[in-house]
Amino acid sequence: MVLAMVNMGAEVVADGNIHVYAPLRGKAMAGASGNTQARIFSLCLEPELISIAGVYRTSENPLAKNIQGKPAQVRLSDDGQEKLLFEALNA
């Protein structure tokens, strides 16, 4: 659990889930040991890199407008395609 902003250039790495209760602008890598059930949660998702169990996406690939800078979670798809799914969290 991270209570402060994760600035660009900063990294958060965990074997399990990552919860950021502030803007996430740096790198977040959940499931670092290969945990495909890991998730990333943020109240303001603006990452330069996001990864779950080695499946990653960089800021060169912009997020959808309903996700960028908003509360969201990231998880791997359940269909075995090793694809990151970005889901808005509605308060």
PDB file of N, CA and C in Angstrom:
ATOM      1  N   MET A   1       0.849  -1.172   0.000  1.00  0.00           N
ATOM      2  CA  MET A   1       0.000   0.000   0.000  1.00  0.00           C
ATOM      3  C   MET A   1       0.895   1.236   0.000  1.00  0.00           C
ATOM      4  N   VAL A   2       0.599   2.152  -0.902  1.00  0.00           N
ATOM      5  CA  VAL A   2       1.350   3.402  -1.028  1.00  0.00           C
ATOM      6  C   VAL A   2       0.373   4.553  -0.801  1.00  0.00           C
ATOM      7  N   LEU A   3       0.713   5.437   0.141  1.00  0.00           N
ATOM      8  CA  LEU A   3      -0.174   6.551   0.478  1.00  0.00           C
ATOM      9  C   LEU A   3       0.259   7.866  -0.148  1.00  0.00           C
ATOM     10  N   ALA A   4       1.437   7.896  -0.750  1.00  0.00           N
ATOM     11  CA  ALA A   4       1.960   9.121  -1.360  1.00  0.00           C
ATOM     12  C   ALA A   4       2.066   8.943  -2.874  1.00  0.00           C
ATOM     13  N   MET A   5       2.242  10.056  -3.573  1.00  0.00           N
ATOM     14  CA  MET A   5       2.362  10.035  -5.027  1.00  0.00           C
ATOM     15  C   MET A   5       3.586   9.219  -5.456  1.00  0.00           C
ATOM     16  N   VAL A   6       3.428   8.456  -6.534  1.00  0.00           N
ATOM     17  CA  VAL A   6       4.544   7.750  -7.161  1.00  0.00           C
ATOM     18  C   VAL A   6       4.919   8.577  -8.381  1.00  0.00           C
ATOM     19  N   ASN A   7       5.991   9.364  -8.256  1.00  0.00           N
ATOM     20  CA  ASN A   7       6.406  10.274  -9.326  1.00  0.00           C
ATOM     21  C   ASN A   7       7.050   9.541 -10.490  1.00  0.00           C
ATOM     22  N   MET A   8       7.137  10.205 -11.636  1.00  0.00           N
ATOM     23  CA  MET A   8       7.840   9.645 -12.791  1.00  0.00           C
ATOM     24  C   MET A   8       9.268   9.314 -12.369  1.00  0.00           C
ATOM     25  N   GLY A   9       9.741   8.155 -12.778  1.00  0.00           N
ATOM     26  CA  GLY A   9      11.077   7.693 -12.423  1.00  0.00           C
ATOM     27  C   GLY A   9      11.090   6.799 -11.199  1.00  0.00           C
ATOM     28  N   ALA A  10      10.051   6.887 -10.368  1.00  0.00           N
ATOM     29  CA  ALA A  10       9.956   6.032  -9.180  1.00  0.00           C
ATOM     30  C   ALA A  10       9.355   4.684  -9.567  1.00  0.00           C
ATOM     31  N   GLU A  11       9.677   3.652  -8.788  1.00  0.00           N
ATOM     32  CA  GLU A  11       9.175   2.311  -9.057  1.00  0.00           C
ATOM     33  C   GLU A  11       8.549   1.710  -7.812  1.00  0.00           C
ATOM     34  N   VAL A  12       7.434   1.012  -8.006  1.00  0.00           N
ATOM     35  CA  VAL A  12       6.806   0.224  -6.955  1.00  0.00           C
ATOM     36  C   VAL A  12       6.754  -1.201  -7.489  1.00  0.00           C
ATOM     37  N   VAL A  13       7.364  -2.144  -6.753  1.00  0.00           N
ATOM     38  CA  VAL A  13       7.414  -3.538  -7.183  1.00  0.00           C
ATOM     39  C   VAL A  13       6.869  -4.408  -6.057  1.00  0.00           C
ATOM     40  N   ALA A  14       5.995  -5.366  -6.407  1.00  0.00           N
ATOM     41  CA  ALA A  14       5.424  -6.272  -5.408  1.00  0.00           C
ATOM     42  C   ALA A  14       5.171  -7.639  -6.031  1.00  0.00           C
ATOM     43  N   ASP A  15       5.264  -8.683  -5.201  1.00  0.00           N
ATOM     44  CA  ASP A  15       4.904 -10.024  -5.660  1.00  0.00           C
ATOM     45  C   ASP A  15       3.393 -10.174  -5.777  1.00  0.00           C
ATOM     46  N   GLY A  16       2.648  -9.377  -5.011  1.00  0.00           N
ATOM     47  CA  GLY A  16       1.188  -9.418  -5.034  1.00  0.00           C
ATOM     48  C   GLY A  16       0.601  -8.150  -5.612  1.00  0.00           C
ATOM     49  N   ASN A  17      -0.492  -7.690  -5.011  1.00  0.00           N
ATOM     50  CA  ASN A  17      -1.197  -6.496  -5.474  1.00  0.00           C
ATOM     51  C   ASN A  17      -0.466  -5.222  -5.088  1.00  0.00           C
ATOM     52  N   ILE A  18      -0.765  -4.151  -5.825  1.00  0.00           N
ATOM     53  CA  ILE A  18      -0.270  -2.811  -5.503  1.00  0.00           C
ATOM     54  C   ILE A  18      -1.482  -1.899  -5.373  1.00  0.00           C
ATOM     55  N   HIS A  19      -1.545  -1.166  -4.261  1.00  0.00           N
ATOM     56  CA  HIS A  19      -2.595  -0.171  -4.022  1.00  0.00           C
ATOM     57  C   HIS A  19      -1.915   1.177  -3.865  1.00  0.00           C
ATOM     58  N   VAL A  20      -2.254   2.141  -4.712  1.00  0.00           N
ATOM     59  CA  VAL A  20      -1.690   3.490  -4.623  1.00  0.00           C
ATOM     60  C   VAL A  20      -2.852   4.451  -4.385  1.00  0.00           C
ATOM     61  N   TYR A  21      -2.870   5.050  -3.187  1.00  0.00           N
ATOM     62  CA  TYR A  21      -3.949   5.971  -2.812  1.00  0.00           C
ATOM     63  C   TYR A  21      -3.533   7.410  -3.074  1.00  0.00           C
ATOM     64  N   ALA A  22      -2.972   7.625  -4.236  1.00  0.00           N
ATOM     65  CA  ALA A  22      -2.475   8.922  -4.694  1.00  0.00           C
ATOM     66  C   ALA A  22      -2.194   8.751  -6.190  1.00  0.00           C
ATOM     67  N   PRO A  23      -1.768   9.815  -6.880  1.00  0.00           N
ATOM     68  CA  PRO A  23      -1.437   9.653  -8.298  1.00  0.00           C
ATOM     69  C   PRO A  23      -0.294   8.660  -8.522  1.00  0.00           C
ATOM     70  N   LEU A  24      -0.467   7.812  -9.509  1.00  0.00           N
ATOM     71  CA  LEU A  24       0.562   6.855  -9.922  1.00  0.00           C
ATOM     72  C   LEU A  24       1.104   7.326 -11.261  1.00  0.00           C
ATOM     73  N   ARG A  25       2.281   7.947 -11.234  1.00  0.00           N
ATOM     74  CA  ARG A  25       2.885   8.498 -12.452  1.00  0.00           C
ATOM     75  C   ARG A  25       4.179   7.793 -12.835  1.00  0.00           C
ATOM     76  N   GLY A  26       4.694   6.970 -11.958  1.00  0.00           N
ATOM     77  CA  GLY A  26       5.934   6.243 -12.208  1.00  0.00           C
ATOM     78  C   GLY A  26       5.656   4.850 -12.744  1.00  0.00           C
ATOM     79  N   LYS A  27       6.472   3.899 -12.280  1.00  0.00           N
ATOM     80  CA  LYS A  27       6.360   2.512 -12.728  1.00  0.00           C
ATOM     81  C   LYS A  27       5.757   1.664 -11.617  1.00  0.00           C
ATOM     82  N   ALA A  28       4.810   0.807 -11.978  1.00  0.00           N
ATOM     83  CA  ALA A  28       4.204  -0.126 -11.031  1.00  0.00           C
ATOM     84  C   ALA A  28       4.277  -1.521 -11.621  1.00  0.00           C
ATOM     85  N   MET A  29       4.907  -2.433 -10.875  1.00  0.00           N
ATOM     86  CA  MET A  29       5.083  -3.805 -11.334  1.00  0.00           C
ATOM     87  C   MET A  29       4.557  -4.758 -10.270  1.00  0.00           C
ATOM     88  N   ALA A  30       3.363  -5.286 -10.478  1.00  0.00           N
ATOM     89  CA  ALA A  30       2.744  -6.236  -9.555  1.00  0.00           C
ATOM     90  C   ALA A  30       2.971  -7.651 -10.076  1.00  0.00           C
ATOM     91  N   GLY A  31       2.859  -8.629  -9.180  1.00  0.00           N
ATOM     92  CA  GLY A  31       3.062 -10.019  -9.594  1.00  0.00           C
ATOM     93  C   GLY A  31       4.470 -10.266 -10.090  1.00  0.00           C
ATOM     94  N   ALA A  32       5.444  -9.611  -9.473  1.00  0.00           N
ATOM     95  CA  ALA A  32       6.836  -9.679  -9.940  1.00  0.00           C
ATOM     96  C   ALA A  32       7.393 -11.101  -9.950  1.00  0.00           C
ATOM     97  N   SER A  33       6.859 -11.969  -9.089  1.00  0.00           N
ATOM     98  CA  SER A  33       7.335 -13.355  -9.043  1.00  0.00           C
ATOM     99  C   SER A  33       6.517 -14.271  -9.955  1.00  0.00           C
ATOM    100  N   GLY A  34       5.672 -13.672 -10.803  1.00  0.00           N
ATOM    101  CA  GLY A  34       4.872 -14.444 -11.748  1.00  0.00           C
ATOM    102  C   GLY A  34       3.425 -14.635 -11.343  1.00  0.00           C
ATOM    103  N   ASN A  35       2.981 -13.940 -10.307  1.00  0.00           N
ATOM    104  CA  ASN A  35       1.602 -14.037  -9.825  1.00  0.00           C
ATOM    105  C   ASN A  35       0.649 -13.391 -10.831  1.00  0.00           C
ATOM    106  N   THR A  36      -0.041 -14.211 -11.606  1.00  0.00           N
ATOM    107  CA  THR A  36      -0.944 -13.698 -12.645  1.00  0.00           C
ATOM    108  C   THR A  36      -2.273 -13.198 -12.078  1.00  0.00           C
ATOM    109  N   GLN A  37      -2.526 -13.423 -10.791  1.00  0.00           N
ATOM    110  CA  GLN A  37      -3.749 -12.936 -10.142  1.00  0.00           C
ATOM    111  C   GLN A  37      -3.560 -11.553  -9.528  1.00  0.00           C
ATOM    112  N   ALA A  38      -2.349 -11.022  -9.564  1.00  0.00           N
ATOM    113  CA  ALA A  38      -2.059  -9.710  -8.973  1.00  0.00           C
ATOM    114  C   ALA A  38      -2.816  -8.614  -9.716  1.00  0.00           C
ATOM    115  N   ARG A  39      -3.096  -7.537  -8.983  1.00  0.00           N
ATOM    116  CA  ARG A  39      -3.794  -6.378  -9.556  1.00  0.00           C
ATOM    117  C   ARG A  39      -3.114  -5.103  -9.100  1.00  0.00           C
ATOM    118  N   ILE A  40      -3.354  -4.039  -9.844  1.00  0.00           N
ATOM    119  CA  ILE A  40      -2.853  -2.715  -9.479  1.00  0.00           C
ATOM    120  C   ILE A  40      -4.061  -1.795  -9.368  1.00  0.00           C
ATOM    121  N   PHE A  41      -4.139  -1.081  -8.246  1.00  0.00           N
ATOM    122  CA  PHE A  41      -5.221  -0.131  -8.001  1.00  0.00           C
ATOM    123  C   PHE A  41      -4.609   1.244  -7.785  1.00  0.00           C
ATOM    124  N   SER A  42      -5.229   2.279  -8.345  1.00  0.00           N
ATOM    125  CA  SER A  42      -4.762   3.647  -8.123  1.00  0.00           C
ATOM    126  C   SER A  42      -5.950   4.600  -8.169  1.00  0.00           C
ATOM    127  N   LEU A  43      -5.866   5.651  -7.364  1.00  0.00           N
ATOM    128  CA  LEU A  43      -6.915   6.675  -7.385  1.00  0.00           C
ATOM    129  C   LEU A  43      -6.736   7.654  -8.533  1.00  0.00           C
ATOM    130  N   CYS A  44      -5.546   7.651  -9.149  1.00  0.00           N
ATOM    131  CA  CYS A  44      -5.259   8.544 -10.279  1.00  0.00           C
ATOM    132  C   CYS A  44      -4.214   7.853 -11.151  1.00  0.00           C
ATOM    133  N   LEU A  45      -4.661   7.083 -12.136  1.00  0.00           N
ATOM    134  CA  LEU A  45      -3.773   6.248 -12.940  1.00  0.00           C
ATOM    135  C   LEU A  45      -3.168   7.036 -14.100  1.00  0.00           C
ATOM    136  N   GLU A  46      -1.866   7.315 -14.012  1.00  0.00           N
ATOM    137  CA  GLU A  46      -1.116   8.022 -15.059  1.00  0.00           C
ATOM    138  C   GLU A  46       0.285   7.420 -15.185  1.00  0.00           C
ATOM    139  N   PRO A  47       0.430   6.099 -15.290  1.00  0.00           N
ATOM    140  CA  PRO A  47       1.745   5.458 -15.189  1.00  0.00           C
ATOM    141  C   PRO A  47       2.623   5.642 -16.420  1.00  0.00           C
ATOM    142  N   GLU A  48       3.948   5.670 -16.170  1.00  0.00           N
ATOM    143  CA  GLU A  48       4.866   5.636 -17.308  1.00  0.00           C
ATOM    144  C   GLU A  48       5.096   4.187 -17.733  1.00  0.00           C
ATOM    145  N   LEU A  49       4.929   3.238 -16.801  1.00  0.00           N
ATOM    146  CA  LEU A  49       4.982   1.813 -17.124  1.00  0.00           C
ATOM    147  C   LEU A  49       4.130   1.079 -16.102  1.00  0.00           C
ATOM    148  N   ILE A  50       3.380   0.105 -16.577  1.00  0.00           N
ATOM    149  CA  ILE A  50       2.577  -0.723 -15.680  1.00  0.00           C
ATOM    150  C   ILE A  50       2.752  -2.166 -16.116  1.00  0.00           C
ATOM    151  N   SER A  51       2.932  -3.071 -15.139  1.00  0.00           N
ATOM    152  CA  SER A  51       3.229  -4.460 -15.466  1.00  0.00           C
ATOM    153  C   SER A  51       2.598  -5.392 -14.442  1.00  0.00           C
ATOM    154  N   ILE A  52       2.075  -6.503 -14.935  1.00  0.00           N
ATOM    155  CA  ILE A  52       1.590  -7.575 -14.071  1.00  0.00           C
ATOM    156  C   ILE A  52       2.171  -8.877 -14.601  1.00  0.00           C
ATOM    157  N   ALA A  53       2.917  -9.560 -13.743  1.00  0.00           N
ATOM    158  CA  ALA A  53       3.538 -10.848 -14.082  1.00  0.00           C
ATOM    159  C   ALA A  53       4.312 -10.776 -15.400  1.00  0.00           C
ATOM    160  N   GLY A  54       4.992  -9.669 -15.625  1.00  0.00           N
ATOM    161  CA  GLY A  54       5.833  -9.510 -16.810  1.00  0.00           C
ATOM    162  C   GLY A  54       5.126  -9.000 -18.050  1.00  0.00           C
ATOM    163  N   VAL A  55       3.806  -8.890 -18.022  1.00  0.00           N
ATOM    164  CA  VAL A  55       3.047  -8.313 -19.141  1.00  0.00           C
ATOM    165  C   VAL A  55       2.967  -6.816 -18.876  1.00  0.00           C
ATOM    166  N   TYR A  56       3.471  -6.005 -19.796  1.00  0.00           N
ATOM    167  CA  TYR A  56       3.588  -4.579 -19.495  1.00  0.00           C
ATOM    168  C   TYR A  56       3.029  -3.684 -20.592  1.00  0.00           C
ATOM    169  N   ARG A  57       2.866  -2.412 -20.203  1.00  0.00           N
ATOM    170  CA  ARG A  57       2.431  -1.358 -21.122  1.00  0.00           C
ATOM    171  C   ARG A  57       3.137  -0.082 -20.693  1.00  0.00           C
ATOM    172  N   THR A  58       3.613   0.677 -21.662  1.00  0.00           N
ATOM    173  CA  THR A  58       4.301   1.930 -21.362  1.00  0.00           C
ATOM    174  C   THR A  58       3.415   3.122 -21.715  1.00  0.00           C
ATOM    175  N   SER A  59       3.847   4.289 -21.281  1.00  0.00           N
ATOM    176  CA  SER A  59       3.078   5.513 -21.548  1.00  0.00           C
ATOM    177  C   SER A  59       3.114   5.910 -23.020  1.00  0.00           C
ATOM    178  N   GLU A  60       3.947   5.254 -23.818  1.00  0.00           N
ATOM    179  CA  GLU A  60       3.955   5.510 -25.265  1.00  0.00           C
ATOM    180  C   GLU A  60       2.630   5.077 -25.889  1.00  0.00           C
ATOM    181  N   ASN A  61       1.930   4.207 -25.200  1.00  0.00           N
ATOM    182  CA  ASN A  61       0.628   3.697 -25.614  1.00  0.00           C
ATOM    183  C   ASN A  61      -0.414   4.343 -24.695  1.00  0.00           C
ATOM    184  N   PRO A  62      -1.017   5.472 -25.061  1.00  0.00           N
ATOM    185  CA  PRO A  62      -1.897   6.217 -24.151  1.00  0.00           C
ATOM    186  C   PRO A  62      -3.085   5.395 -23.647  1.00  0.00           C
ATOM    187  N   LEU A  63      -3.472   5.691 -22.410  1.00  0.00           N
ATOM    188  CA  LEU A  63      -4.649   5.049 -21.828  1.00  0.00           C
ATOM    189  C   LEU A  63      -5.915   5.712 -22.365  1.00  0.00           C
ATOM    190  N   ALA A  64      -7.014   4.995 -22.284  1.00  0.00           N
ATOM    191  CA  ALA A  64      -8.312   5.550 -22.689  1.00  0.00           C
ATOM    192  C   ALA A  64      -8.661   6.733 -21.792  1.00  0.00           C
ATOM    193  N   LYS A  65      -9.436   7.667 -22.318  1.00  0.00           N
ATOM    194  CA  LYS A  65      -9.793   8.880 -21.568  1.00  0.00           C
ATOM    195  C   LYS A  65     -10.572   8.580 -20.290  1.00  0.00           C
ATOM    196  N   ASN A  66     -11.335   7.492 -20.274  1.00  0.00           N
ATOM    197  CA  ASN A  66     -12.093   7.160 -19.063  1.00  0.00           C
ATOM    198  C   ASN A  66     -11.217   6.508 -17.990  1.00  0.00           C
ATOM    199  N   ILE A  67      -9.950   6.230 -18.318  1.00  0.00           N
ATOM    200  CA  ILE A  67      -9.003   5.616 -17.377  1.00  0.00           C
ATOM    201  C   ILE A  67      -7.904   6.605 -16.982  1.00  0.00           C
ATOM    202  N   GLN A  68      -7.353   7.322 -17.940  1.00  0.00           N
ATOM    203  CA  GLN A  68      -6.229   8.240 -17.705  1.00  0.00           C
ATOM    204  C   GLN A  68      -6.556   9.268 -16.624  1.00  0.00           C
ATOM    205  N   GLY A  69      -5.774   9.267 -15.546  1.00  0.00           N
ATOM    206  CA  GLY A  69      -5.947  10.238 -14.475  1.00  0.00           C
ATOM    207  C   GLY A  69      -7.147   9.991 -13.576  1.00  0.00           C
ATOM    208  N   LYS A  70      -7.761   8.827 -13.706  1.00  0.00           N
ATOM    209  CA  LYS A  70      -8.966   8.496 -12.942  1.00  0.00           C
ATOM    210  C   LYS A  70      -8.695   7.283 -12.037  1.00  0.00           C
ATOM    211  N   PRO A  71      -9.590   7.026 -11.057  1.00  0.00           N
ATOM    212  CA  PRO A  71      -9.467   5.806 -10.261  1.00  0.00           C
ATOM    213  C   PRO A  71      -9.666   4.583 -11.160  1.00  0.00           C
ATOM    214  N   ALA A  72      -8.736   3.631 -11.060  1.00  0.00           N
ATOM    215  CA  ALA A  72      -8.809   2.464 -11.938  1.00  0.00           C
ATOM    216  C   ALA A  72      -8.056   1.288 -11.339  1.00  0.00           C
ATOM    217  N   GLN A  73      -8.363   0.116 -11.883  1.00  0.00           N
ATOM    218  CA  GLN A  73      -7.599  -1.074 -11.542  1.00  0.00           C
ATOM    219  C   GLN A  73      -7.083  -1.691 -12.832  1.00  0.00           C
ATOM    220  N   VAL A  74      -5.991  -2.430 -12.693  1.00  0.00           N
ATOM    221  CA  VAL A  74      -5.390  -3.121 -13.828  1.00  0.00           C
ATOM    222  C   VAL A  74      -5.232  -4.582 -13.428  1.00  0.00           C
ATOM    223  N   ARG A  75      -5.586  -5.471 -14.340  1.00  0.00           N
ATOM    224  CA  ARG A  75      -5.437  -6.904 -14.096  1.00  0.00           C
ATOM    225  C   ARG A  75      -5.156  -7.597 -15.417  1.00  0.00           C
ATOM    226  N   LEU A  76      -4.748  -8.853 -15.343  1.00  0.00           N
ATOM    227  CA  LEU A  76      -4.565  -9.639 -16.557  1.00  0.00           C
ATOM    228  C   LEU A  76      -5.907 -10.226 -16.987  1.00  0.00           C
ATOM    229  N   SER A  77      -6.087 -10.377 -18.281  1.00  0.00           N
ATOM    230  CA  SER A  77      -7.320 -10.980 -18.799  1.00  0.00           C
ATOM    231  C   SER A  77      -7.402 -12.438 -18.349  1.00  0.00           C
ATOM    232  N   ASP A  78      -8.614 -12.933 -18.243  1.00  0.00           N
ATOM    233  CA  ASP A  78      -8.845 -14.308 -17.787  1.00  0.00           C
ATOM    234  C   ASP A  78      -8.765 -15.326 -18.919  1.00  0.00           C
ATOM    235  N   ASP A  79      -8.629 -14.865 -20.153  1.00  0.00           N
ATOM    236  CA  ASP A  79      -8.685 -15.777 -21.300  1.00  0.00           C
ATOM    237  C   ASP A  79      -7.326 -16.352 -21.699  1.00  0.00           C
ATOM    238  N   GLY A  80      -6.291 -16.106 -20.894  1.00  0.00           N
ATOM    239  CA  GLY A  80      -4.975 -16.668 -21.174  1.00  0.00           C
ATOM    240  C   GLY A  80      -4.197 -15.962 -22.263  1.00  0.00           C
ATOM    241  N   GLN A  81      -4.641 -14.794 -22.719  1.00  0.00           N
ATOM    242  CA  GLN A  81      -3.963 -14.079 -23.798  1.00  0.00           C
ATOM    243  C   GLN A  81      -2.859 -13.146 -23.306  1.00  0.00           C
ATOM    244  N   GLU A  82      -2.574 -13.132 -22.005  1.00  0.00           N
ATOM    245  CA  GLU A  82      -1.553 -12.250 -21.433  1.00  0.00           C
ATOM    246  C   GLU A  82      -1.757 -10.806 -21.888  1.00  0.00           C
ATOM    247  N   LYS A  83      -2.935 -10.293 -21.600  1.00  0.00           N
ATOM    248  CA  LYS A  83      -3.318  -8.938 -21.979  1.00  0.00           C
ATOM    249  C   LYS A  83      -3.737  -8.186 -20.724  1.00  0.00           C
ATOM    250  N   LEU A  84      -3.281  -6.932 -20.585  1.00  0.00           N
ATOM    251  CA  LEU A  84      -3.670  -6.106 -19.454  1.00  0.00           C
ATOM    252  C   LEU A  84      -5.053  -5.518 -19.688  1.00  0.00           C
ATOM    253  N   LEU A  85      -5.902  -5.584 -18.671  1.00  0.00           N
ATOM    254  CA  LEU A  85      -7.232  -4.983 -18.729  1.00  0.00           C
ATOM    255  C   LEU A  85      -7.267  -3.806 -17.767  1.00  0.00           C
ATOM    256  N   PHE A  86      -7.709  -2.666 -18.247  1.00  0.00           N
ATOM    257  CA  PHE A  86      -7.819  -1.445 -17.454  1.00  0.00           C
ATOM    258  C   PHE A  86      -9.300  -1.196 -17.211  1.00  0.00           C
ATOM    259  N   GLU A  87      -9.683  -1.112 -15.934  1.00  0.00           N
ATOM    260  CA  GLU A  87     -11.094  -0.944 -15.585  1.00  0.00           C
ATOM    261  C   GLU A  87     -11.261   0.255 -14.671  1.00  0.00           C
ATOM    262  N   ALA A  88     -12.192   1.134 -15.021  1.00  0.00           N
ATOM    263  CA  ALA A  88     -12.479   2.307 -14.188  1.00  0.00           C
ATOM    264  C   ALA A  88     -13.110   1.850 -12.880  1.00  0.00           C
ATOM    265  N   LEU A  89     -12.758   2.549 -11.807  1.00  0.00           N
ATOM    266  CA  LEU A  89     -13.372   2.319 -10.501  1.00  0.00           C
ATOM    267  C   LEU A  89     -14.290   3.489 -10.222  1.00  0.00           C
ATOM    268  N   ASN A  90     -15.554   3.226 -10.082  1.00  0.00           N
ATOM    269  CA  ASN A  90     -16.530   4.287  -9.835  1.00  0.00           C
ATOM    270  C   ASN A  90     -16.794   4.418  -8.349  1.00  0.00           C
ATOM    271  N   ALA A  91     -16.727   5.656  -7.867  1.00  0.00           N
ATOM    272  CA  ALA A  91     -16.945   5.896  -6.432  1.00  0.00           C
ATOM    273  C   ALA A  91     -18.413   6.054  -6.138  1.00  0.00           C
TER     274      ALA A  91
END
